[in-house]
Every structure is written in structure tokens, then in C-alpha cells.
Amino acid sequence: MKVSYHISDINFVNDKMILSVDEQEIVLDIADVSNKLLLASDMERSVYKISASGYGVHWPLIDEDISVNELVKKYE
């Protein structure tokens, strides 16, 4: 399986998750992405790691893992 997307940044503004993916901005409702992220503090949301393979994002402070492909599919 090859890496399909390159996420360079993730930000949160109010109830929105803003992803920088392949040089374009994707805006998602946090409630549509993850209940854990919805309930997390700003600090907990800001601590994340994009996997070395590029397949997922991990938020260690809330023990949440989300597939990059799933995030992009929610946008499409």
C-alpha cells in the first residue's frame, strides 16, 4: 500500500479540523471525525504525530488514531 496523501499540518478552530493535505486545505467538522477530539482540550488536540508511513495520525494524550485516507474521504 503506498502513501496516497501528504499531511503537512493540522489545526483546530472552534469545532473545525483544518488539514493541509497535498498543498490544499481540507476543513472538517470535528464531530464528524472523532468524539475524542471533540471532547479534547486545545492542548490535547495540538499534540499529534503523523505516522512515518503517512497512513495515520496519532494523538497520544487522548489515545486516538485516525487514518489519513478516512479523513480525506470525509471531505470528498
Protein backbone atom coordinates (compact mmCIF):
# COMPACT_ATOMS: atom_id res chain seq x y z
CA MET A 1 0.00 0.00 0.00
CA LYS A 2 1.51 3.32 -0.99
CA VAL A 3 1.12 6.69 0.69
CA SER A 4 -1.74 8.48 -1.01
CA TYR A 5 -1.65 11.82 0.79
CA HIS A 6 0.87 14.11 2.41
CA ILE A 7 -0.41 15.92 5.51
CA SER A 8 1.83 18.81 6.44
CA ASP A 9 -0.25 20.41 9.22
CA ILE A 10 -3.37 20.01 11.34
CA ASN A 11 -5.09 22.90 13.10
CA PHE A 12 -8.30 23.27 15.07
CA VAL A 13 -10.52 26.35 15.07
CA ASN A 14 -13.67 26.15 17.19
CA ASP A 15 -15.48 23.00 16.01
CA LYS A 16 -13.43 22.60 12.80
CA MET A 17 -10.38 20.49 11.98
CA ILE A 18 -8.25 22.08 9.27
CA LEU A 19 -5.85 19.79 7.42
CA SER A 20 -3.14 20.83 5.00
CA VAL A 21 -3.12 17.91 2.57
CA ASP A 22 -1.17 17.84 -0.69
CA GLU A 23 -0.96 21.64 -0.69
CA GLN A 24 -4.71 22.13 -0.26
CA GLU A 25 -6.82 22.90 2.80
CA ILE A 26 -9.46 20.46 3.98
CA VAL A 27 -11.95 21.63 6.62
CA LEU A 28 -13.94 19.04 8.57
CA ASP A 29 -16.38 19.21 11.49
CA ILE A 30 -14.62 17.66 14.48
CA ALA A 31 -17.87 15.93 15.47
CA ASP A 32 -17.78 14.04 12.15
CA VAL A 33 -14.18 12.94 12.74
CA SER A 34 -13.83 11.86 16.36
CA ASN A 35 -15.73 12.16 19.62
CA LYS A 36 -12.40 12.03 21.50
CA LEU A 37 -11.09 15.02 19.55
CA LEU A 38 -14.38 16.84 20.02
CA LEU A 39 -14.08 16.49 23.81
CA ALA A 40 -10.31 17.12 23.94
CA SER A 41 -8.73 20.36 25.12
CA ASP A 42 -6.86 22.62 22.71
CA MET A 43 -3.59 21.36 24.18
CA GLU A 44 -4.58 17.70 23.75
CA ARG A 45 -5.56 18.34 20.13
CA SER A 46 -2.30 20.13 19.39
CA VAL A 47 -0.14 17.15 20.38
CA TYR A 48 -0.24 14.76 17.44
CA LYS A 49 2.13 12.71 15.33
CA ILE A 50 1.74 11.83 11.68
CA SER A 51 2.92 8.25 11.20
CA ALA A 52 6.21 7.71 9.40
CA SER A 53 4.34 5.76 6.73
CA GLY A 54 1.92 8.64 6.25
CA TYR A 55 -1.09 6.37 6.76
CA GLY A 56 -2.36 7.81 10.02
CA VAL A 57 -2.34 10.45 12.72
CA HIS A 58 -1.96 9.69 16.43
CA TRP A 59 -2.97 11.91 19.37
CA PRO A 60 -1.10 10.33 22.30
CA LEU A 61 -2.69 12.39 25.07
CA ILE A 62 -6.17 11.08 24.21
CA ASP A 63 -5.07 7.74 22.67
CA GLU A 64 -6.73 8.42 19.31
CA ASP A 65 -5.62 7.13 15.91
CA ILE A 66 -7.21 8.19 12.63
CA SER A 67 -6.43 7.02 9.11
CA VAL A 68 -5.37 9.77 6.71
CA ASN A 69 -7.44 8.12 3.99
CA GLU A 70 -10.54 8.24 6.23
CA LEU A 71 -10.02 11.94 6.92
CA VAL A 72 -9.76 12.72 3.21
CA LYS A 73 -12.80 10.51 2.41
CA LYS A 74 -14.91 12.51 4.89
CA TYR A 75 -14.05 15.63 2.90
CA GLU A 76 -14.87 14.22 -0.53
